[in-house]
Every structure is written in structure tokens, then in C-alpha cells.
Amino acid sequence: MTFVKEIKAGSREFCQNWLRYLLLFMGLSLFNQFIVIPLFRYITTFVLQASAIPFVSYQNVVTIITTHTVAFLILIIELLLLLVILYAQLAYLLHGVWDIKHQVFTWKNSFIQTWQNIKKIRLGTLFILMLYFLLVVPLADVIFRTPLLSKVQISEFILDYLTRTPILLAVLIAFYLAALILGARLVFALPIIVFDHLKSAQAVKRSWRLTAHYRWRTICRRIIILAVLSAAVMTIFYLAMYCLQLLVDLLPGKCPLILAIVNLSLVQIISEVALVYVSVLGLSIILKALRQEKISQTGKTKKIILETVKKFV
């Protein structure tokens, strides 16, 4: 029940700042659709065509590495740049959501904070980001959904190969379960890097310490509940709109066509708002849990210091 109350409180806060949240996320979405994705698509197509590589799959990956080394290196650099952009966007959203919640949001301050994070980025940070989005795709998709993740996820041909036999399928399931637990233990690492500007190794250690004693299960459970509830609500909404359209189709003339366009537009708008809503609540779950764990750890540290001082007094 406590988490349900938190969802209600988060929903009220979202309704109060819905326009800022929409502008925050929609601006990022437009930037991806019209700048980032076309640019990376052009670079990838140019590299593959210039190197006479028809496609990339597990069957020719070794050939690409050995006979098209320059093209392979360029694609690796492109992947690293993509991870940098993903990290910058995640930092932008974390700062934006935090500032909006605390009524201190400004666009100028948001861009300055994001640029500060970009300047301090390290290879270790990119590795953690790869773990976030490559291994823990289901939970990451709830918190931070972007079309750029399609470039970082495990390729379909690899998944198809790993599901051909029961043994490989069991290995894949075990791999994802282990990755899910690992990702949950490292869930605070990136926010710590973004807000505290620590090195990746220090952030990983702190996240590992803050999620010890199965505290990570609470975060996973809340994110899963949020995903299930949002999916259930949106399913009901889609079914209602579908049934409404079936009734509208019985009307004469052009009414069904006009109302179908209205319904489709409404579905698109509601879906985008719901996506932003779920993302904001997902990020809020992590930020609130991080704040609570920091307060708890600080309290324990002060208690230990006081007990140590009493022994020597």
C-alpha cells in the first residue's frame, strides 16, 4: 500500500508539472529523431558501402574484423560515440527530473549540468552504461526508453541463434537473470556518477554497498509493479478506444473516417504522455531510493562514529 500511495503522490506531482516534463522528454525525442538517428544511420551506411560490406551478422563478423579492420574500428568508435550520447541524455533527464521536482528547473542550468557530466565522462562510465542498456533491457526500457537503444541491444540474429535449442535457451535465461541482478546492484552507479561526479569504480562500490542485503529487490519490485500497472491501464485504454471505433463505424457517411482520425490522434497523444509519465515515475523511484539509502548510510556512519568516540571518552 505504501508504494501505491507513492504512485498517487508521484501522479499528483506529475500533473502539476506535466508541461515541463513533456517538453523535457519530447525535446529529447525530437533531437533523436531528426538529428542523432539520421546522422548515425548515414555514417553506418557510408562505412558499409565504402567497405563493400552488404550486411553485418554473426556469419561475417570475423571476416569484417580481419579483412575490413578500418571499417570495424570506425563502427566501434561510432558505438562509443553513441554511448556518450546516451550517457549525456540520461544525465540530462536525471538533472531535469530532479530539478523539476524541486522547482529549480531552468533550460540553461540543465544544459550546463549535462555538459559538466560530458566533460568528466570516462571509459568506465561507458562500460557501466553498456551493462545498463545491453543486459538489463526490460527494466531500462521502463525507465529510459529511446530508439537509440536499438543500436546497443543484443542483435536479433544472436538471440535467434541462442533460442534454437533448449540448452542454449536455458543459458540465455540464466544469463538474463544474472544480468538483471547485476544491473539492480549497479542501479545507483550512474546517478552517483551524474550527481556526485565520482569515478566509475567508486560509484560501482557505493552502489554495491547501498543495494546490499537484498535491498535491490525492493527497487526491482517497484519498477516491475509500475510497468505492469501502466501496461494494464494502457491495455484497457486501447480496448476502450477500439470498441468505441467499432460503434462509430456503424454511423453513416464520413463520420467513421473523421472520428477514426480523431481516435488515432488521441491514442498517439495519450501514449506519448503515458510514456513520459512512466519514465518520470521510474526515474523518481531510483532517485528517491538513492536519497533514502544515502540518508540511511549517513545515519549509520554517524552512529558508528559516536559509539567509537564514547569508547575513548
Protein backbone atom coordinates (compact mmCIF):
# COMPACT_ATOMS: atom_id res chain seq x y z
CA MET A 1 0.00 0.00 0.00
CA THR A 2 2.89 2.36 0.70
CA PHE A 3 4.08 2.13 -2.88
CA VAL A 4 0.54 2.76 -4.16
CA LYS A 5 0.48 5.96 -2.09
CA GLU A 6 3.84 6.92 -3.58
CA ILE A 7 2.44 6.38 -7.09
CA LYS A 8 -0.53 8.61 -6.24
CA ALA A 9 1.79 11.30 -4.85
CA GLY A 10 4.02 11.00 -7.90
CA SER A 11 0.98 11.25 -10.17
CA ARG A 12 -0.16 14.46 -8.46
CA GLU A 13 3.31 15.94 -8.80
CA PHE A 14 3.40 14.92 -12.48
CA CYS A 15 0.05 16.61 -13.11
CA GLN A 16 1.39 19.82 -11.55
CA ASN A 17 4.49 19.85 -13.80
CA TRP A 18 3.23 17.88 -16.81
CA LEU A 19 4.12 20.52 -19.36
CA ARG A 20 7.74 20.77 -18.21
CA TYR A 21 8.12 17.01 -18.21
CA LEU A 22 6.62 16.74 -21.70
CA LEU A 23 8.93 19.44 -23.04
CA LEU A 24 11.91 17.76 -21.35
CA PHE A 25 11.24 14.35 -22.91
CA MET A 26 9.72 15.44 -26.21
CA GLY A 27 12.61 17.79 -26.92
CA LEU A 28 14.98 14.87 -26.45
CA SER A 29 12.83 12.64 -28.65
CA LEU A 30 12.80 15.20 -31.48
CA PHE A 31 16.57 15.62 -31.17
CA ASN A 32 17.00 11.86 -31.59
CA GLN A 33 14.55 11.53 -34.48
CA PHE A 34 15.78 14.43 -36.59
CA ILE A 35 19.49 14.70 -35.75
CA VAL A 36 21.08 11.75 -33.94
CA ILE A 37 19.41 8.81 -35.71
CA PRO A 38 19.76 10.19 -39.28
CA LEU A 39 23.40 11.11 -38.60
CA PHE A 40 24.36 7.68 -37.26
CA ARG A 41 22.38 5.94 -40.00
CA TYR A 42 24.24 7.95 -42.64
CA ILE A 43 27.65 7.19 -41.10
CA THR A 44 26.92 3.45 -40.80
CA THR A 45 25.57 3.22 -44.36
CA PHE A 46 28.54 5.15 -45.76
CA VAL A 47 31.08 2.96 -43.92
CA LEU A 48 29.42 -0.30 -45.01
CA GLN A 49 29.06 0.80 -48.64
CA ALA A 50 32.60 2.18 -48.83
CA SER A 51 33.93 -1.12 -47.46
CA ALA A 52 31.66 -3.24 -49.70
CA ILE A 53 30.06 -4.89 -46.66
CA PRO A 54 26.49 -5.92 -47.60
CA PHE A 55 25.34 -6.63 -44.02
CA VAL A 56 26.61 -7.42 -40.52
CA SER A 57 25.82 -10.78 -38.89
CA TYR A 58 27.49 -13.44 -36.77
CA GLN A 59 28.41 -15.23 -40.01
CA ASN A 60 30.64 -12.46 -41.35
CA VAL A 61 31.71 -10.60 -38.20
CA VAL A 62 35.09 -12.36 -38.14
CA THR A 63 35.60 -11.54 -41.81
CA ILE A 64 34.82 -7.88 -41.15
CA ILE A 65 37.35 -7.75 -38.30
CA THR A 66 40.13 -9.42 -40.31
CA THR A 67 39.58 -8.00 -43.81
CA HIS A 68 37.87 -4.67 -43.07
CA THR A 69 39.76 -3.59 -39.98
CA VAL A 70 39.39 0.15 -40.63
CA ALA A 71 35.64 -0.16 -41.10
CA PHE A 72 35.41 -2.26 -37.94
CA LEU A 73 37.33 0.38 -35.93
CA ILE A 74 35.08 3.14 -37.27
CA LEU A 75 31.99 1.17 -36.23
CA ILE A 76 33.47 0.67 -32.75
CA ILE A 77 34.15 4.41 -32.48
CA GLU A 78 30.59 5.04 -33.62
CA LEU A 79 29.33 2.74 -30.87
CA LEU A 80 31.40 4.61 -28.27
CA LEU A 81 30.03 7.95 -29.51
CA LEU A 82 26.53 6.52 -29.27
CA LEU A 83 27.17 5.52 -25.67
CA VAL A 84 28.45 9.03 -24.92
CA ILE A 85 25.22 10.47 -26.36
CA LEU A 86 23.14 8.01 -24.34
CA TYR A 87 25.02 8.95 -21.18
CA ALA A 88 24.54 12.67 -21.89
CA GLN A 89 20.82 12.15 -22.46
CA LEU A 90 20.42 10.12 -19.28
CA ALA A 91 22.30 12.79 -17.31
CA TYR A 92 20.08 15.44 -18.92
CA LEU A 93 16.93 13.57 -17.86
CA LEU A 94 18.18 12.86 -14.33
CA HIS A 95 19.06 16.51 -13.76
CA GLY A 96 15.84 17.64 -15.42
CA VAL A 97 13.53 15.37 -13.41
CA TRP A 98 15.32 16.21 -10.15
CA ASP A 99 15.20 19.97 -10.80
CA ILE A 100 11.56 19.95 -11.87
CA LYS A 101 10.58 18.05 -8.74
CA HIS A 102 12.39 20.63 -6.60
CA GLN A 103 11.06 23.60 -8.59
CA VAL A 104 14.53 24.81 -9.63
CA PHE A 105 14.48 23.77 -13.29
CA THR A 106 15.85 26.05 -15.99
CA TRP A 107 16.93 25.04 -19.50
CA LYS A 108 20.23 26.86 -19.18
CA ASN A 109 21.10 25.13 -15.91
CA SER A 110 20.08 21.74 -17.33
CA PHE A 111 22.39 22.10 -20.34
CA ILE A 112 25.26 23.34 -18.14
CA GLN A 113 24.91 20.36 -15.80
CA THR A 114 24.79 17.94 -18.72
CA TRP A 115 27.90 19.49 -20.28
CA GLN A 116 29.73 19.16 -16.96
CA ASN A 117 28.90 15.45 -16.95
CA ILE A 118 30.06 15.02 -20.55
CA LYS A 119 33.42 16.65 -19.78
CA LYS A 120 34.02 14.21 -16.92
CA ILE A 121 32.98 11.07 -18.79
CA ARG A 122 35.32 8.06 -18.63
CA LEU A 123 35.56 4.68 -20.34
CA GLY A 124 34.41 3.04 -17.10
CA THR A 125 31.23 5.10 -17.26
CA LEU A 126 30.57 3.86 -20.79
CA PHE A 127 31.10 0.28 -19.64
CA ILE A 128 28.50 0.72 -16.88
CA LEU A 129 26.14 2.27 -19.40
CA MET A 130 26.63 -0.74 -21.66
CA LEU A 131 25.64 -3.01 -18.75
CA TYR A 132 22.55 -0.90 -18.14
CA PHE A 133 21.19 -0.99 -21.67
CA LEU A 134 22.70 -4.15 -23.14
CA LEU A 135 22.00 -6.54 -20.26
CA VAL A 136 19.03 -5.09 -18.41
CA VAL A 137 16.88 -4.06 -21.37
CA PRO A 138 13.42 -4.79 -19.81
CA LEU A 139 13.90 -2.61 -16.72
CA ALA A 140 15.91 0.01 -18.62
CA ASP A 141 13.12 0.28 -21.17
CA VAL A 142 10.67 1.23 -18.41
CA ILE A 143 12.94 3.95 -17.03
CA PHE A 144 14.62 5.31 -20.15
CA ARG A 145 13.01 4.43 -23.46
CA THR A 146 14.72 5.72 -26.57
CA PRO A 147 15.09 4.48 -30.17
CA LEU A 148 18.86 4.77 -29.73
CA LEU A 149 18.78 1.64 -27.56
CA SER A 150 18.06 -0.44 -30.66
CA LYS A 151 21.69 0.23 -31.60
CA VAL A 152 23.04 -1.07 -28.29
CA GLN A 153 20.86 -4.11 -27.60
CA ILE A 154 21.89 -7.66 -28.37
CA SER A 155 21.29 -8.28 -32.06
CA GLU A 156 18.31 -10.35 -33.17
CA PHE A 157 20.47 -12.86 -35.03
CA ILE A 158 22.32 -13.64 -31.78
CA LEU A 159 19.05 -14.10 -29.88
CA ASP A 160 17.72 -16.30 -32.68
CA TYR A 161 20.83 -18.48 -32.51
CA LEU A 162 20.64 -18.79 -28.71
CA THR A 163 16.99 -19.92 -28.78
CA ARG A 164 17.40 -22.77 -31.25
CA THR A 165 17.99 -25.46 -28.60
CA PRO A 166 16.67 -25.89 -25.03
CA ILE A 167 20.22 -25.82 -23.61
CA LEU A 168 21.11 -22.53 -25.29
CA LEU A 169 17.72 -21.10 -24.28
CA ALA A 170 18.37 -22.08 -20.64
CA VAL A 171 21.79 -20.44 -20.83
CA LEU A 172 20.20 -17.28 -22.26
CA ILE A 173 17.57 -17.17 -19.48
CA ALA A 174 20.22 -17.71 -16.81
CA PHE A 175 22.32 -15.00 -18.42
CA TYR A 176 19.45 -12.51 -18.32
CA LEU A 177 18.60 -13.35 -14.71
CA ALA A 178 22.21 -12.85 -13.67
CA ALA A 179 22.35 -9.63 -15.69
CA LEU A 180 19.13 -8.43 -14.08
CA ILE A 181 20.54 -8.94 -10.59
CA LEU A 182 23.84 -7.34 -11.57
CA GLY A 183 22.04 -4.37 -13.09
CA ALA A 184 19.91 -3.99 -9.95
CA ARG A 185 23.04 -3.97 -7.79
CA LEU A 186 24.53 -1.26 -10.02
CA VAL A 187 21.30 0.73 -10.35
CA PHE A 188 22.70 3.65 -8.33
CA ALA A 189 26.06 3.76 -10.12
CA LEU A 190 25.11 6.10 -12.96
CA PRO A 191 23.05 8.51 -10.80
CA ILE A 192 26.01 8.67 -8.39
CA ILE A 193 28.37 9.44 -11.29
CA VAL A 194 25.95 12.07 -12.63
CA PHE A 195 25.22 13.85 -9.35
CA ASP A 196 28.35 13.20 -7.25
CA HIS A 197 30.90 13.17 -10.13
CA LEU A 198 32.69 10.13 -8.72
CA LYS A 199 34.88 7.79 -10.73
CA SER A 200 33.13 4.73 -12.12
CA ALA A 201 34.93 2.32 -9.76
CA GLN A 202 33.91 4.39 -6.71
CA ALA A 203 30.34 4.68 -7.96
CA VAL A 204 30.11 0.91 -8.50
CA LYS A 205 31.39 0.21 -4.98
CA ARG A 206 28.93 2.65 -3.44
CA SER A 207 26.02 1.28 -5.46
CA TRP A 208 27.01 -2.26 -4.49
CA ARG A 209 27.10 -1.23 -0.83
CA LEU A 210 23.79 0.64 -0.97
CA THR A 211 21.98 -2.34 -2.56
CA ALA A 212 23.41 -4.97 -0.19
CA HIS A 213 21.24 -7.31 1.92
CA TYR A 214 18.70 -7.75 -0.90
CA ARG A 215 17.67 -4.08 -0.85
CA TRP A 216 17.90 -4.19 -4.64
CA ARG A 217 14.78 -6.40 -4.73
CA THR A 218 12.63 -3.53 -3.48
CA ILE A 219 13.67 -1.36 -6.42
CA CYS A 220 13.12 -4.14 -8.95
CA ARG A 221 9.73 -4.98 -7.45
CA ARG A 222 8.59 -1.35 -7.63
CA ILE A 223 9.72 -0.89 -11.21
CA ILE A 224 8.03 -4.16 -12.24
CA ILE A 225 4.79 -3.14 -10.47
CA LEU A 226 4.94 0.23 -12.21
CA ALA A 227 5.43 -1.46 -15.59
CA VAL A 228 2.57 -3.94 -15.00
CA LEU A 229 0.15 -1.26 -13.79
CA SER A 230 0.95 1.08 -16.69
CA ALA A 231 0.64 -1.78 -19.21
CA ALA A 232 -2.72 -2.80 -17.72
CA VAL A 233 -4.09 0.77 -17.80
CA MET A 234 -2.92 1.34 -21.38
CA THR A 235 -4.38 -2.02 -22.48
CA ILE A 236 -7.77 -1.04 -21.05
CA PHE A 237 -7.50 2.33 -22.78
CA TYR A 238 -6.64 0.76 -26.16
CA LEU A 239 -9.52 -1.73 -25.85
CA ALA A 240 -11.93 1.08 -24.96
CA MET A 241 -10.83 3.11 -27.99
CA TYR A 242 -11.12 0.03 -30.22
CA CYS A 243 -14.66 -0.73 -29.01
CA LEU A 244 -15.59 2.92 -29.45
CA GLN A 245 -14.33 2.83 -33.03
CA LEU A 246 -16.40 -0.30 -33.70
CA LEU A 247 -19.52 1.61 -32.62
CA VAL A 248 -18.52 4.67 -34.64
CA ASP A 249 -18.12 2.53 -37.77
CA LEU A 250 -21.89 1.94 -37.68
CA LEU A 251 -22.54 5.63 -38.33
CA PRO A 252 -23.33 6.77 -41.91
CA GLY A 253 -21.30 8.98 -44.20
CA LYS A 254 -17.82 10.23 -43.44
CA CYS A 255 -18.32 10.22 -39.66
CA PRO A 256 -16.40 6.93 -39.11
CA LEU A 257 -13.38 8.23 -41.08
CA ILE A 258 -13.30 11.58 -39.26
CA LEU A 259 -13.70 10.00 -35.83
CA ALA A 260 -11.11 7.34 -36.70
CA ILE A 261 -8.57 10.10 -37.34
CA VAL A 262 -9.56 11.76 -34.06
CA ASN A 263 -9.28 8.47 -32.16
CA LEU A 264 -5.89 7.67 -33.72
CA SER A 265 -4.58 11.12 -32.82
CA LEU A 266 -5.92 10.77 -29.29
CA VAL A 267 -4.29 7.34 -28.90
CA GLN A 268 -0.96 8.75 -30.09
CA ILE A 269 -1.10 11.72 -27.71
CA ILE A 270 -2.18 9.65 -24.69
CA SER A 271 0.52 7.06 -25.45
CA GLU A 272 3.25 9.74 -25.51
CA VAL A 273 2.00 11.30 -22.27
CA ALA A 274 1.81 7.86 -20.63
CA LEU A 275 5.35 7.07 -21.77
CA VAL A 276 6.67 10.29 -20.22
CA TYR A 277 4.64 9.64 -17.05
CA VAL A 278 6.06 6.14 -16.59
CA SER A 279 9.60 7.34 -17.31
CA VAL A 280 9.31 10.14 -14.74
CA LEU A 281 7.96 7.78 -12.08
CA GLY A 282 10.64 5.19 -12.92
CA LEU A 283 13.45 7.72 -12.55
CA SER A 284 11.78 9.06 -9.38
CA ILE A 285 11.84 5.57 -7.86
CA ILE A 286 15.60 5.33 -8.35
CA LEU A 287 16.31 8.90 -7.20
CA LYS A 288 14.17 8.53 -4.08
CA ALA A 289 15.68 5.15 -3.22
CA LEU A 290 19.18 6.59 -3.68
CA ARG A 291 18.37 9.52 -1.39
CA GLN A 292 16.91 7.22 1.27
CA GLU A 293 19.88 4.86 1.15
CA LYS A 294 22.31 7.79 1.41
CA ILE A 295 20.44 9.12 4.46
CA SER A 296 20.40 5.64 5.99
CA GLN A 297 24.12 5.10 5.37
CA THR A 298 24.93 8.58 6.74
CA GLY A 299 22.92 7.84 9.89
CA LYS A 300 24.72 4.52 10.38
CA THR A 301 28.11 6.19 9.89
CA LYS A 302 27.31 8.90 12.47
CA LYS A 303 26.14 6.23 14.91
CA ILE A 304 29.37 4.26 14.49
CA ILE A 305 31.46 7.42 14.97
CA LEU A 306 29.55 8.35 18.15
CA GLU A 307 29.91 4.85 19.57
CA THR A 308 33.64 4.91 18.79
CA VAL A 309 34.06 8.31 20.45
CA LYS A 310 32.18 7.14 23.58
CA LYS A 311 34.65 4.27 23.97
CA PHE A 312 37.55 6.67 24.22
CA VAL A 313 35.80 9.27 26.42
